[in-house]
C-alpha cells in the first residue's frame, strides 16, 4: 500500500499535534478542506476520492474526540477555479477539464464558507459545508 496523500497526511498530522495544544489553551478550531469527492466516487477518480474521504473521516473522528472546546469544520468545494487543466498532458482530458471548469467557483466563495464557519459563536460548531457552483450538476 502506498503512503497517505499529502492532504490526508496533513489533516492527520496537524490534528494529532495541534489538538492537545488547543485543548490546553481552552479551545481552537480546525478547518479541513476536502472536496465533493469525499461524498461520491466518479469514474477515473477513485484514488482522489478516497483521499478526500479520508480527510472527511479524520475530521469527523477529531470532532467526536473533542470535548467541545475544539471545533472542527470540513469544507468540501465543488469545481473551483485553478490552473489544474493546464498541467494535463492528454489534449482530450485537458479540454474536458476546461469544459468542467466553465462553471467553476472563485476561490473567494470557498474563503467565504470558511469565514462563515469560524465566525460562529463558541457554542456553535459548523461541521460540514459543501459548496458547489449553482450551475454544476456535480
Foldseek 3Di string as FASTA:
>chain_A
DDDADPLLCVLVVCCVVCVVVQVVVQAEEAEREAACLLVDPDPPCVSNSVNSVSSLVSQVVSCVPDPLRYAYAYEHEYAADDCVLVPDPDPVVSVVNVVLNPQHHYVVVSVVVVCVQVPDDSNDHHHYHYHYRPPDPD
